């Protein structure tokens, strides 16, 4: 392996390793690609090779339970408290990770101000410090503009890694000041090698659902995911006219009674199902939900392209509303009732 326990995207990993070997490292490196592809992992592996003390750097992996719990607990803090104590991780003195914070999971102006202050500090050991801004695409305009001041004239010792799912959610001036490495989904053989290295249970199912993203394969709670997806499938089948509305009511009761279940965790599975329904309409196999291909095919045969477009727009609107105080079941009920309108069903 080019970096220890890092799978896929060999050309990107090889280029980054060569930068260290020849000691010609850009000061701003931007890694783009889908969630769970390994962008932050690659930045940590780079930092470990450059700075040493791998174990300390790996403590700041945001997928670790203790770090997830820390981030989730901060959602309940007041905005003033979060502003006074900006979120960052730095088990290694010369490797600092800034992660999205608060209910909206944003990179805040307070975090960028802290980054600018710490950027001036000399390395404790060696000649470099490495800052990782995970999900820079979640920085608001004020935060992004503040970061530009560091990118324009960074201290000689500072290397900034940033990750983003979509490059074009970033300011053009940030992109232009960065060396950009697009990262791609892993092949099934690469995913299998990853699963074997981590001794993952249910590897075939995880690989199918993760769609080439090892981080998702590793973190996925299969039982919970299938429950969430099962409810969404029941809703889409009802919306497509394949099942009576009573079936949806029965499926949503558990969701309604749950006090802790959040509506936003259903959004990505919903988009995944719609993407696979669209693929099925064009005669292609499911990308994310291969194990329920028959149910997806049935929905695809029952609906029109207008139905799929209406469904996507409805969930887009729900994304905007999800952080507000809305009735979660009522929101999904409204989507299903509107999609059930026979005027947009496919003609037979």
C-alpha atoms as a PDB file:
ATOM      1  CA  UNK A   1       0.000   0.000   0.000  1.00  0.00           C
ATOM      2  CA  UNK A   2       1.134   3.549  -0.732  1.00  0.00           C
ATOM      3  CA  UNK A   3      -0.100   4.668   2.695  1.00  0.00           C
ATOM      4  CA  UNK A   4      -0.768   2.127   5.472  1.00  0.00           C
ATOM      5  CA  UNK A   5      -4.365   0.842   5.520  1.00  0.00           C
ATOM      6  CA  UNK A   6      -5.512   3.201   2.796  1.00  0.00           C
ATOM      7  CA  UNK A   7      -7.436   1.675  -0.095  1.00  0.00           C
ATOM      8  CA  UNK A   8      -8.204   2.995  -3.569  1.00  0.00           C
ATOM      9  CA  UNK A   9      -7.286   6.237  -5.361  1.00  0.00           C
ATOM     10  CA  UNK A  10      -3.729   5.034  -5.853  1.00  0.00           C
ATOM     11  CA  UNK A  11      -2.751   7.845  -8.225  1.00  0.00           C
ATOM     12  CA  UNK A  12      -3.743  10.515  -5.690  1.00  0.00           C
ATOM     13  CA  UNK A  13      -2.053   8.698  -2.815  1.00  0.00           C
ATOM     14  CA  UNK A  14       1.118   8.126  -4.853  1.00  0.00           C
ATOM     15  CA  UNK A  15       1.340  11.797  -5.835  1.00  0.00           C
ATOM     16  CA  UNK A  16       0.935  12.939  -2.234  1.00  0.00           C
ATOM     17  CA  UNK A  17       3.582  10.512  -1.011  1.00  0.00           C
ATOM     18  CA  UNK A  18       6.006  11.685  -3.699  1.00  0.00           C
ATOM     19  CA  UNK A  19       5.467  15.257  -2.531  1.00  0.00           C
ATOM     20  CA  UNK A  20       6.745  14.278   0.894  1.00  0.00           C
ATOM     21  CA  UNK A  21       9.667  12.294  -0.511  1.00  0.00           C
ATOM     22  CA  UNK A  22      10.928  15.154  -2.696  1.00  0.00           C
ATOM     23  CA  UNK A  23       9.986  17.761  -0.046  1.00  0.00           C
ATOM     24  CA  UNK A  24       7.878  19.807  -2.463  1.00  0.00           C
ATOM     25  CA  UNK A  25       4.525  20.115  -0.729  1.00  0.00           C
ATOM     26  CA  UNK A  26       1.848  22.622  -1.760  1.00  0.00           C
ATOM     27  CA  UNK A  27       0.538  24.683   1.123  1.00  0.00           C
ATOM     28  CA  UNK A  28      -3.143  24.150   0.286  1.00  0.00           C
ATOM     29  CA  UNK A  29      -4.403  20.747  -0.849  1.00  0.00           C
ATOM     30  CA  UNK A  30      -8.071  20.142  -1.623  1.00  0.00           C
ATOM     31  CA  UNK A  31      -9.486  16.612  -1.768  1.00  0.00           C
ATOM     32  CA  UNK A  32     -12.899  16.240  -3.365  1.00  0.00           C
ATOM     33  CA  UNK A  33     -15.242  13.290  -3.715  1.00  0.00           C
ATOM     34  CA  UNK A  34     -18.245  11.510  -2.198  1.00  0.00           C
ATOM     35  CA  UNK A  35     -18.755  11.156   1.532  1.00  0.00           C
ATOM     36  CA  UNK A  36     -16.892   8.168   2.958  1.00  0.00           C
ATOM     37  CA  UNK A  37     -14.435   7.902   0.056  1.00  0.00           C
ATOM     38  CA  UNK A  38     -11.440   8.404   2.382  1.00  0.00           C
ATOM     39  CA  UNK A  39     -10.574  12.085   1.964  1.00  0.00           C
ATOM     40  CA  UNK A  40      -9.944  12.846   5.645  1.00  0.00           C
ATOM     41  CA  UNK A  41      -8.302   9.430   6.095  1.00  0.00           C
ATOM     42  CA  UNK A  42      -5.811  10.226   3.336  1.00  0.00           C
ATOM     43  CA  UNK A  43      -5.053  13.604   4.924  1.00  0.00           C
ATOM     44  CA  UNK A  44      -4.348  11.886   8.259  1.00  0.00           C
ATOM     45  CA  UNK A  45      -2.124   9.264   6.606  1.00  0.00           C
ATOM     46  CA  UNK A  46      -0.216  12.072   4.878  1.00  0.00           C
ATOM     47  CA  UNK A  47       0.153  13.892   8.203  1.00  0.00           C
ATOM     48  CA  UNK A  48       1.346  10.752   9.969  1.00  0.00           C
ATOM     49  CA  UNK A  49       4.055  10.140   7.363  1.00  0.00           C
ATOM     50  CA  UNK A  50       5.172  13.775   7.452  1.00  0.00           C
ATOM     51  CA  UNK A  51       4.938  14.409  11.201  1.00  0.00           C
ATOM     52  CA  UNK A  52       5.171  10.975  12.806  1.00  0.00           C
ATOM     53  CA  UNK A  53       3.203   9.649  15.796  1.00  0.00           C
ATOM     54  CA  UNK A  54       0.423   8.002  13.799  1.00  0.00           C
ATOM     55  CA  UNK A  55      -1.518   6.864  16.872  1.00  0.00           C
ATOM     56  CA  UNK A  56      -2.090  10.426  18.081  1.00  0.00           C
ATOM     57  CA  UNK A  57      -3.267  11.654  14.695  1.00  0.00           C
ATOM     58  CA  UNK A  58      -5.665   8.709  14.340  1.00  0.00           C
ATOM     59  CA  UNK A  59      -7.347   9.623  17.637  1.00  0.00           C
ATOM     60  CA  UNK A  60      -8.919  12.535  15.765  1.00  0.00           C
ATOM     61  CA  UNK A  61     -10.727  10.311  13.266  1.00  0.00           C
ATOM     62  CA  UNK A  62     -14.244  11.775  13.260  1.00  0.00           C
ATOM     63  CA  UNK A  63     -15.789   8.337  12.734  1.00  0.00           C
ATOM     64  CA  UNK A  64     -14.622   7.193  16.187  1.00  0.00           C
ATOM     65  CA  UNK A  65     -17.526   6.874  18.621  1.00  0.00           C
ATOM     66  CA  UNK A  66     -16.058   9.267  21.192  1.00  0.00           C
ATOM     67  CA  UNK A  67     -15.548  11.979  18.572  1.00  0.00           C
ATOM     68  CA  UNK A  68     -19.035  11.489  17.091  1.00  0.00           C
ATOM     69  CA  UNK A  69     -20.502  11.746  20.578  1.00  0.00           C
ATOM     70  CA  UNK A  70     -18.565  14.958  21.198  1.00  0.00           C
ATOM     71  CA  UNK A  71     -19.853  16.546  17.986  1.00  0.00           C
ATOM     72  CA  UNK A  72     -23.450  15.420  18.614  1.00  0.00           C
ATOM     73  CA  UNK A  73     -23.408  16.671  22.207  1.00  0.00           C
ATOM     74  CA  UNK A  74     -22.461  20.148  21.011  1.00  0.00           C
ATOM     75  CA  UNK A  75     -25.716  20.375  19.049  1.00  0.00           C
ATOM     76  CA  UNK A  76     -27.481  20.952  22.377  1.00  0.00           C
ATOM     77  CA  UNK A  77     -25.149  23.772  23.373  1.00  0.00           C
ATOM     78  CA  UNK A  78     -26.240  27.366  22.996  1.00  0.00           C
ATOM     79  CA  UNK A  79     -24.741  29.231  20.040  1.00  0.00           C
ATOM     80  CA  UNK A  80     -22.879  31.518  22.457  1.00  0.00           C
ATOM     81  CA  UNK A  81     -21.272  28.560  24.196  1.00  0.00           C
ATOM     82  CA  UNK A  82     -20.143  27.064  20.884  1.00  0.00           C
ATOM     83  CA  UNK A  83     -18.784  30.460  19.797  1.00  0.00           C
ATOM     84  CA  UNK A  84     -16.735  30.732  22.987  1.00  0.00           C
ATOM     85  CA  UNK A  85     -15.358  27.199  22.532  1.00  0.00           C
ATOM     86  CA  UNK A  86     -14.850  26.513  18.787  1.00  0.00           C
ATOM     87  CA  UNK A  87     -14.686  22.858  17.815  1.00  0.00           C
ATOM     88  CA  UNK A  88     -11.335  21.347  16.864  1.00  0.00           C
ATOM     89  CA  UNK A  89      -9.364  18.149  17.487  1.00  0.00           C
ATOM     90  CA  UNK A  90      -5.627  18.071  18.088  1.00  0.00           C
ATOM     91  CA  UNK A  91      -4.300  14.977  19.850  1.00  0.00           C
ATOM     92  CA  UNK A  92      -1.056  15.622  17.943  1.00  0.00           C
ATOM     93  CA  UNK A  93       0.215  19.136  18.619  1.00  0.00           C
ATOM     94  CA  UNK A  94       1.109  19.756  14.970  1.00  0.00           C
ATOM     95  CA  UNK A  95      -1.984  18.193  13.359  1.00  0.00           C
ATOM     96  CA  UNK A  96      -5.278  20.047  13.901  1.00  0.00           C
ATOM     97  CA  UNK A  97      -8.686  19.001  12.572  1.00  0.00           C
ATOM     98  CA  UNK A  98     -11.600  21.409  12.205  1.00  0.00           C
ATOM     99  CA  UNK A  99     -14.964  19.679  11.757  1.00  0.00           C
ATOM    100  CA  UNK A 100     -18.517  20.941  11.085  1.00  0.00           C
ATOM    101  CA  UNK A 101     -20.218  22.066  14.277  1.00  0.00           C
ATOM    102  CA  UNK A 102     -23.671  22.784  15.687  1.00  0.00           C
ATOM    103  CA  UNK A 103     -27.177  21.712  14.583  1.00  0.00           C
ATOM    104  CA  UNK A 104     -26.486  22.895  11.024  1.00  0.00           C
ATOM    105  CA  UNK A 105     -23.075  21.183  10.955  1.00  0.00           C
ATOM    106  CA  UNK A 106     -21.182  24.156   9.542  1.00  0.00           C
ATOM    107  CA  UNK A 107     -17.594  25.339   9.563  1.00  0.00           C
ATOM    108  CA  UNK A 108     -18.067  28.491  11.618  1.00  0.00           C
ATOM    109  CA  UNK A 109     -16.377  31.868  11.561  1.00  0.00           C
ATOM    110  CA  UNK A 110     -15.153  31.225  15.117  1.00  0.00           C
ATOM    111  CA  UNK A 111     -13.367  28.075  13.953  1.00  0.00           C
ATOM    112  CA  UNK A 112     -11.680  29.930  11.091  1.00  0.00           C
ATOM    113  CA  UNK A 113     -10.600  32.723  13.432  1.00  0.00           C
ATOM    114  CA  UNK A 114      -9.074  30.080  15.706  1.00  0.00           C
ATOM    115  CA  UNK A 115      -7.359  28.512  12.686  1.00  0.00           C
ATOM    116  CA  UNK A 116      -5.871  31.874  11.744  1.00  0.00           C
ATOM    117  CA  UNK A 117      -4.538  32.361  15.275  1.00  0.00           C
ATOM    118  CA  UNK A 118      -3.024  28.869  15.466  1.00  0.00           C
ATOM    119  CA  UNK A 119      -1.605  29.108  11.957  1.00  0.00           C
ATOM    120  CA  UNK A 120       1.047  31.506  13.257  1.00  0.00           C
ATOM    121  CA  UNK A 121       2.342  29.037  15.872  1.00  0.00           C
ATOM    122  CA  UNK A 122       5.585  27.314  14.964  1.00  0.00           C
ATOM    123  CA  UNK A 123       5.712  23.499  14.827  1.00  0.00           C
ATOM    124  CA  UNK A 124       6.433  21.808  18.129  1.00  0.00           C
ATOM    125  CA  UNK A 125       8.623  19.310  16.295  1.00  0.00           C
ATOM    126  CA  UNK A 126       9.937  19.223  12.757  1.00  0.00           C
ATOM    127  CA  UNK A 127       9.288  21.844  10.111  1.00  0.00           C
ATOM    128  CA  UNK A 128       5.548  21.574   9.404  1.00  0.00           C
ATOM    129  CA  UNK A 129       2.111  21.856  10.892  1.00  0.00           C
ATOM    130  CA  UNK A 130      -0.881  20.291   9.115  1.00  0.00           C
ATOM    131  CA  UNK A 131      -4.431  21.614   9.432  1.00  0.00           C
ATOM    132  CA  UNK A 132      -7.351  19.570   8.156  1.00  0.00           C
ATOM    133  CA  UNK A 133     -10.642  21.366   7.430  1.00  0.00           C
ATOM    134  CA  UNK A 134     -13.103  18.537   6.971  1.00  0.00           C
ATOM    135  CA  UNK A 135     -16.146  19.459   4.849  1.00  0.00           C
ATOM    136  CA  UNK A 136     -14.956  22.912   3.868  1.00  0.00           C
ATOM    137  CA  UNK A 137     -18.003  23.024   1.589  1.00  0.00           C
ATOM    138  CA  UNK A 138     -20.043  23.551   4.765  1.00  0.00           C
ATOM    139  CA  UNK A 139     -18.375  26.879   5.491  1.00  0.00           C
ATOM    140  CA  UNK A 140     -20.646  29.892   5.077  1.00  0.00           C
ATOM    141  CA  UNK A 141     -19.545  32.874   3.013  1.00  0.00           C
ATOM    142  CA  UNK A 142     -18.161  34.760   6.010  1.00  0.00           C
ATOM    143  CA  UNK A 143     -16.040  31.767   7.097  1.00  0.00           C
ATOM    144  CA  UNK A 144     -14.820  31.100   3.572  1.00  0.00           C
ATOM    145  CA  UNK A 145     -13.762  34.708   3.038  1.00  0.00           C
ATOM    146  CA  UNK A 146     -11.940  34.707   6.363  1.00  0.00           C
ATOM    147  CA  UNK A 147     -10.057  31.559   5.379  1.00  0.00           C
ATOM    148  CA  UNK A 148      -8.908  33.236   2.165  1.00  0.00           C
ATOM    149  CA  UNK A 149      -6.719  35.572   4.208  1.00  0.00           C
ATOM    150  CA  UNK A 150      -4.686  32.551   5.348  1.00  0.00           C
ATOM    151  CA  UNK A 151      -4.605  30.929   1.909  1.00  0.00           C
ATOM    152  CA  UNK A 152      -3.293  34.104   0.287  1.00  0.00           C
ATOM    153  CA  UNK A 153      -0.228  34.335   2.547  1.00  0.00           C
ATOM    154  CA  UNK A 154       0.156  31.131   4.585  1.00  0.00           C
ATOM    155  CA  UNK A 155       3.076  30.803   7.015  1.00  0.00           C
ATOM    156  CA  UNK A 156       5.892  28.730   5.501  1.00  0.00           C
ATOM    157  CA  UNK A 157       5.420  25.901   7.985  1.00  0.00           C
ATOM    158  CA  UNK A 158       1.667  25.469   7.381  1.00  0.00           C
ATOM    159  CA  UNK A 159       0.012  22.861   5.140  1.00  0.00           C
ATOM    160  CA  UNK A 160      -3.771  23.056   4.867  1.00  0.00           C
ATOM    161  CA  UNK A 161      -5.793  20.048   3.753  1.00  0.00           C
ATOM    162  CA  UNK A 162      -9.453  20.654   2.980  1.00  0.00           C
ATOM    163  CA  UNK A 163     -12.135  18.181   1.949  1.00  0.00           C
ATOM    164  CA  UNK A 164     -15.326  18.785   0.000  1.00  0.00           C
ATOM    165  CA  UNK A 165     -17.965  16.599  -1.602  1.00  0.00           C
ATOM    166  CA  UNK A 166     -18.666  19.137  -4.340  1.00  0.00           C
ATOM    167  CA  UNK A 167     -15.858  21.438  -5.469  1.00  0.00           C
ATOM    168  CA  UNK A 168     -18.335  23.929  -6.860  1.00  0.00           C
ATOM    169  CA  UNK A 169     -19.839  24.583  -3.449  1.00  0.00           C
ATOM    170  CA  UNK A 170     -16.558  26.381  -2.682  1.00  0.00           C
ATOM    171  CA  UNK A 171     -15.588  29.913  -3.616  1.00  0.00           C
ATOM    172  CA  UNK A 172     -13.697  30.055  -6.932  1.00  0.00           C
ATOM    173  CA  UNK A 173     -10.913  31.931  -5.141  1.00  0.00           C
ATOM    174  CA  UNK A 174     -10.456  29.013  -2.718  1.00  0.00           C
ATOM    175  CA  UNK A 175     -10.295  26.525  -5.590  1.00  0.00           C
ATOM    176  CA  UNK A 176      -7.789  28.674  -7.472  1.00  0.00           C
ATOM    177  CA  UNK A 177      -5.448  28.808  -4.464  1.00  0.00           C
ATOM    178  CA  UNK A 178      -5.506  25.036  -3.946  1.00  0.00           C
ATOM    179  CA  UNK A 179      -3.983  21.983  -5.582  1.00  0.00           C
ATOM    180  CA  UNK A 180      -7.117  19.927  -6.253  1.00  0.00           C
ATOM    181  CA  UNK A 181      -7.244  16.126  -6.213  1.00  0.00           C
ATOM    182  CA  UNK A 182     -10.605  14.605  -7.231  1.00  0.00           C
ATOM    183  CA  UNK A 183     -11.088  11.196  -5.611  1.00  0.00           C
ATOM    184  CA  UNK A 184     -13.248   8.459  -7.110  1.00  0.00           C
ATOM    185  CA  UNK A 185     -15.311   5.600  -5.720  1.00  0.00           C
ATOM    186  CA  UNK A 186     -13.511   2.312  -5.113  1.00  0.00           C
ATOM    187  CA  UNK A 187     -14.041  -0.710  -7.331  1.00  0.00           C
ATOM    188  CA  UNK A 188     -15.704  -3.809  -5.884  1.00  0.00           C
ATOM    189  CA  UNK A 189     -12.320  -5.638  -5.610  1.00  0.00           C
ATOM    190  CA  UNK A 190     -10.852  -2.655  -3.730  1.00  0.00           C
ATOM    191  CA  UNK A 191     -13.900  -2.569  -1.465  1.00  0.00           C
ATOM    192  CA  UNK A 192     -13.561  -6.295  -0.829  1.00  0.00           C
ATOM    193  CA  UNK A 193      -9.893  -5.856   0.107  1.00  0.00           C
ATOM    194  CA  UNK A 194     -10.895  -3.068   2.490  1.00  0.00           C
ATOM    195  CA  UNK A 195     -13.660  -5.189   4.040  1.00  0.00           C
ATOM    196  CA  UNK A 196     -11.272  -8.107   4.523  1.00  0.00           C
ATOM    197  CA  UNK A 197      -8.660  -5.866   6.159  1.00  0.00           C
ATOM    198  CA  UNK A 198     -11.258  -4.660   8.665  1.00  0.00           C
ATOM    199  CA  UNK A 199     -12.872  -8.107   9.020  1.00  0.00           C
ATOM    200  CA  UNK A 200     -16.286  -6.583   8.326  1.00  0.00           C
ATOM    201  CA  UNK A 201     -19.308  -8.760   8.851  1.00  0.00           C
ATOM    202  CA  UNK A 202     -21.911  -8.909   6.058  1.00  0.00           C
ATOM    203  CA  UNK A 203     -19.274  -7.661   3.625  1.00  0.00           C
ATOM    204  CA  UNK A 204     -21.250  -8.279   0.398  1.00  0.00           C
ATOM    205  CA  UNK A 205     -24.241  -6.290   1.699  1.00  0.00           C
ATOM    206  CA  UNK A 206     -22.053  -3.488   2.994  1.00  0.00           C
ATOM    207  CA  UNK A 207     -20.161  -3.264  -0.288  1.00  0.00           C
ATOM    208  CA  UNK A 208     -23.403  -3.123  -2.246  1.00  0.00           C
ATOM    209  CA  UNK A 209     -24.894  -0.382  -0.095  1.00  0.00           C
ATOM    210  CA  UNK A 210     -21.718   1.701   0.252  1.00  0.00           C
ATOM    211  CA  UNK A 211     -21.361   2.249  -3.514  1.00  0.00           C
ATOM    212  CA  UNK A 212     -17.586   2.370  -3.476  1.00  0.00           C
ATOM    213  CA  UNK A 213     -17.213   4.380  -0.247  1.00  0.00           C
ATOM    214  CA  UNK A 214     -15.251   2.449   2.408  1.00  0.00           C
ATOM    215  CA  UNK A 215     -16.141   4.856   5.202  1.00  0.00           C
ATOM    216  CA  UNK A 216     -19.836   4.142   4.678  1.00  0.00           C
ATOM    217  CA  UNK A 217     -19.239   0.385   4.515  1.00  0.00           C
ATOM    218  CA  UNK A 218     -17.399   0.577   7.841  1.00  0.00           C
ATOM    219  CA  UNK A 219     -19.832   2.799   9.739  1.00  0.00           C
ATOM    220  CA  UNK A 220     -23.133   1.506   8.382  1.00  0.00           C
ATOM    221  CA  UNK A 221     -25.545   0.079  10.961  1.00  0.00           C
ATOM    222  CA  UNK A 222     -27.159  -2.507   8.685  1.00  0.00           C
ATOM    223  CA  UNK A 223     -30.132  -3.289  10.900  1.00  0.00           C
ATOM    224  CA  UNK A 224     -30.997   0.368  11.434  1.00  0.00           C
ATOM    225  CA  UNK A 225     -30.456   1.186   7.760  1.00  0.00           C
ATOM    226  CA  UNK A 226     -32.781  -1.581   6.616  1.00  0.00           C
ATOM    227  CA  UNK A 227     -35.492  -0.401   9.012  1.00  0.00           C
ATOM    228  CA  UNK A 228     -35.204   3.158   7.730  1.00  0.00           C
ATOM    229  CA  UNK A 229     -35.074   2.077   4.096  1.00  0.00           C
ATOM    230  CA  UNK A 230     -38.014  -0.318   4.632  1.00  0.00           C
ATOM    231  CA  UNK A 231     -40.181   2.549   5.834  1.00  0.00           C
ATOM    232  CA  UNK A 232     -39.164   4.722   2.881  1.00  0.00           C
ATOM    233  CA  UNK A 233     -39.786   1.901   0.407  1.00  0.00           C
ATOM    234  CA  UNK A 234     -43.262   1.378   1.859  1.00  0.00           C
ATOM    235  CA  UNK A 235     -43.916   5.078   1.428  1.00  0.00           C
ATOM    236  CA  UNK A 236     -42.677   5.181  -2.172  1.00  0.00           C
ATOM    237  CA  UNK A 237     -44.696   2.065  -3.041  1.00  0.00           C
ATOM    238  CA  UNK A 238     -47.768   3.764  -1.634  1.00  0.00           C
ATOM    239  CA  UNK A 239     -46.936   6.998  -3.489  1.00  0.00           C
ATOM    240  CA  UNK A 240     -46.566   5.015  -6.709  1.00  0.00           C
ATOM    241  CA  UNK A 241     -50.000   3.466  -6.282  1.00  0.00           C
ATOM    242  CA  UNK A 242     -48.645  -0.026  -5.625  1.00  0.00           C
ATOM    243  CA  UNK A 243     -49.991  -0.224  -2.068  1.00  0.00           C
ATOM    244  CA  UNK A 244     -52.869   1.332  -0.129  1.00  0.00           C
ATOM    245  CA  UNK A 245     -52.208   4.376   2.049  1.00  0.00           C
ATOM    246  CA  UNK A 246     -53.024   2.246   5.096  1.00  0.00           C
ATOM    247  CA  UNK A 247     -49.792   0.324   4.536  1.00  0.00           C
ATOM    248  CA  UNK A 248     -47.807   3.530   4.832  1.00  0.00           C
ATOM    249  CA  UNK A 249     -49.649   4.554   8.007  1.00  0.00           C
ATOM    250  CA  UNK A 250     -48.738   1.236   9.596  1.00  0.00           C
ATOM    251  CA  UNK A 251     -45.082   1.548   8.564  1.00  0.00           C
ATOM    252  CA  UNK A 252     -44.752   5.093   9.900  1.00  0.00           C
ATOM    253  CA  UNK A 253     -46.192   4.447  13.371  1.00  0.00           C
ATOM    254  CA  UNK A 254     -42.849   3.376  14.827  1.00  0.00           C
ATOM    255  CA  UNK A 255     -41.199   6.453  13.360  1.00  0.00           C
ATOM    256  CA  UNK A 256     -43.913   8.674  14.823  1.00  0.00           C
ATOM    257  CA  UNK A 257     -43.553   7.121  18.277  1.00  0.00           C
ATOM    258  CA  UNK A 258     -39.780   7.436  18.332  1.00  0.00           C
ATOM    259  CA  UNK A 259     -38.562  10.443  20.301  1.00  0.00           C
ATOM    260  CA  UNK A 260     -34.933  10.181  19.226  1.00  0.00           C
ATOM    261  CA  UNK A 261     -35.243   9.254  15.552  1.00  0.00           C
ATOM    262  CA  UNK A 262     -34.299  12.240  13.403  1.00  0.00           C
ATOM    263  CA  UNK A 263     -35.902  12.968  10.073  1.00  0.00           C
ATOM    264  CA  UNK A 264     -32.607  13.970   8.460  1.00  0.00           C
ATOM    265  CA  UNK A 265     -31.152  10.448   8.694  1.00  0.00           C
ATOM    266  CA  UNK A 266     -33.846   9.344   6.227  1.00  0.00           C
ATOM    267  CA  UNK A 267     -32.865  11.829   3.543  1.00  0.00           C
ATOM    268  CA  UNK A 268     -29.815  10.093   2.081  1.00  0.00           C
ATOM    269  CA  UNK A 269     -31.545   6.672   1.892  1.00  0.00           C
ATOM    270  CA  UNK A 270     -34.484   8.420   0.191  1.00  0.00           C
ATOM    271  CA  UNK A 271     -32.241   9.981  -2.460  1.00  0.00           C
ATOM    272  CA  UNK A 272     -30.503   6.631  -2.914  1.00  0.00           C
ATOM    273  CA  UNK A 273     -33.813   4.904  -3.595  1.00  0.00           C
ATOM    274  CA  UNK A 274     -34.879   7.597  -6.063  1.00  0.00           C
ATOM    275  CA  UNK A 275     -31.547   7.341  -7.856  1.00  0.00           C
ATOM    276  CA  UNK A 276     -32.003   3.585  -8.205  1.00  0.00           C
ATOM    277  CA  UNK A 277     -35.609   4.003  -9.390  1.00  0.00           C
ATOM    278  CA  UNK A 278     -34.318   6.356 -12.089  1.00  0.00           C
ATOM    279  CA  UNK A 279     -31.642   3.829 -13.068  1.00  0.00           C
ATOM    280  CA  UNK A 280     -34.264   1.070 -13.259  1.00  0.00           C
ATOM    281  CA  UNK A 281     -36.401   3.174 -15.606  1.00  0.00           C
ATOM    282  CA  UNK A 282     -33.436   3.233 -17.971  1.00  0.00           C
ATOM    283  CA  UNK A 283     -32.839  -0.500 -17.699  1.00  0.00           C
ATOM    284  CA  UNK A 284     -29.828  -0.255 -15.418  1.00  0.00           C
ATOM    285  CA  UNK A 285     -29.299  -2.150 -12.124  1.00  0.00           C
ATOM    286  CA  UNK A 286     -29.541  -0.454  -8.749  1.00  0.00           C
ATOM    287  CA  UNK A 287     -26.386   1.280  -7.599  1.00  0.00           C
ATOM    288  CA  UNK A 288     -27.037   1.429  -3.858  1.00  0.00           C
ATOM    289  CA  UNK A 289     -29.919  -0.934  -3.098  1.00  0.00           C
ATOM    290  CA  UNK A 290     -29.116  -4.083  -5.016  1.00  0.00           C
ATOM    291  CA  UNK A 291     -30.773  -6.355  -2.441  1.00  0.00           C
ATOM    292  CA  UNK A 292     -34.219  -4.824  -3.087  1.00  0.00           C
ATOM    293  CA  UNK A 293     -33.912  -4.632  -6.860  1.00  0.00           C
ATOM    294  CA  UNK A 294     -37.320  -6.289  -7.455  1.00  0.00           C
ATOM    295  CA  UNK A 295     -39.179  -3.681  -5.382  1.00  0.00           C
ATOM    296  CA  UNK A 296     -37.295  -0.853  -7.085  1.00  0.00           C
ATOM    297  CA  UNK A 297     -38.124  -2.273 -10.511  1.00  0.00           C
ATOM    298  CA  UNK A 298     -41.824  -2.419  -9.600  1.00  0.00           C
ATOM    299  CA  UNK A 299     -41.865   1.245  -8.575  1.00  0.00           C
ATOM    300  CA  UNK A 300     -39.929   2.243 -11.710  1.00  0.00           C
ATOM    301  CA  UNK A 301     -42.527   0.526 -13.912  1.00  0.00           C
ATOM    302  CA  UNK A 302     -45.388   2.284 -12.106  1.00  0.00           C
ATOM    303  CA  UNK A 303     -44.181   5.873 -12.238  1.00  0.00           C
ATOM    304  CA  UNK A 304     -43.218   8.505 -14.779  1.00  0.00           C
ATOM    305  CA  UNK A 305     -40.175  10.731 -15.088  1.00  0.00           C
ATOM    306  CA  UNK A 306     -42.397  13.570 -13.849  1.00  0.00           C
ATOM    307  CA  UNK A 307     -43.115  11.528 -10.710  1.00  0.00           C
ATOM    308  CA  UNK A 308     -39.397  11.028 -10.046  1.00  0.00           C
ATOM    309  CA  UNK A 309     -38.707  14.723 -10.614  1.00  0.00           C
ATOM    310  CA  UNK A 310     -41.540  15.669  -8.236  1.00  0.00           C
ATOM    311  CA  UNK A 311     -40.176  13.265  -5.611  1.00  0.00           C
ATOM    312  CA  UNK A 312     -36.674  14.734  -5.830  1.00  0.00           C
ATOM    313  CA  UNK A 313     -38.006  18.291  -5.543  1.00  0.00           C
ATOM    314  CA  UNK A 314     -40.141  17.286  -2.546  1.00  0.00           C
ATOM    315  CA  UNK A 315     -37.155  15.842  -0.711  1.00  0.00           C
ATOM    316  CA  UNK A 316     -35.050  18.871  -1.707  1.00  0.00           C
ATOM    317  CA  UNK A 317     -37.612  21.034   0.061  1.00  0.00           C
ATOM    318  CA  UNK A 318     -37.530  18.726   3.058  1.00  0.00           C
ATOM    319  CA  UNK A 319     -33.747  19.154   3.282  1.00  0.00           C
ATOM    320  CA  UNK A 320     -34.298  22.893   3.726  1.00  0.00           C
ATOM    321  CA  UNK A 321     -37.052  22.399   6.287  1.00  0.00           C
ATOM    322  CA  UNK A 322     -35.504  19.563   8.273  1.00  0.00           C
ATOM    323  CA  UNK A 323     -33.726  21.745  10.826  1.00  0.00           C
ATOM    324  CA  UNK A 324     -36.908  23.648  11.595  1.00  0.00           C
ATOM    325  CA  UNK A 325     -39.489  22.557  14.106  1.00  0.00           C
ATOM    326  CA  UNK A 326     -41.621  20.499  11.724  1.00  0.00           C
ATOM    327  CA  UNK A 327     -43.742  17.433  12.365  1.00  0.00           C
ATOM    328  CA  UNK A 328     -41.609  14.673  10.890  1.00  0.00           C
ATOM    329  CA  UNK A 329     -44.426  12.248  10.036  1.00  0.00           C
ATOM    330  CA  UNK A 330     -46.656  15.000   8.663  1.00  0.00           C
ATOM    331  CA  UNK A 331     -43.843  16.093   6.351  1.00  0.00           C
ATOM    332  CA  UNK A 332     -43.456  12.607   4.912  1.00  0.00           C
ATOM    333  CA  UNK A 333     -47.229  12.137   4.738  1.00  0.00           C
ATOM    334  CA  UNK A 334     -47.493  15.284   2.627  1.00  0.00           C
ATOM    335  CA  UNK A 335     -44.832  14.039   0.193  1.00  0.00           C
ATOM    336  CA  UNK A 336     -46.525  10.671  -0.245  1.00  0.00           C
ATOM    337  CA  UNK A 337     -50.028  12.119  -0.648  1.00  0.00           C
ATOM    338  CA  UNK A 338     -48.831  14.615  -3.261  1.00  0.00           C
ATOM    339  CA  UNK A 339     -46.895  11.954  -5.198  1.00  0.00           C
ATOM    340  CA  UNK A 340     -49.896   9.648  -5.110  1.00  0.00           C
ATOM    341  CA  UNK A 341     -51.713  12.054  -7.428  1.00  0.00           C
ATOM    342  CA  UNK A 342     -52.651   9.819 -10.374  1.00  0.00           C
ATOM    343  CA  UNK A 343     -52.091  12.675 -12.808  1.00  0.00           C
ATOM    344  CA  UNK A 344     -48.360  12.061 -12.646  1.00  0.00           C
ATOM    345  CA  UNK A 345     -48.402   8.257 -12.703  1.00  0.00           C
ATOM    346  CA  UNK A 346     -46.963   6.618 -15.776  1.00  0.00           C
ATOM    347  CA  UNK A 347     -49.528   5.746 -18.365  1.00  0.00           C
ATOM    348  CA  UNK A 348     -49.875   2.050 -19.038  1.00  0.00           C
END
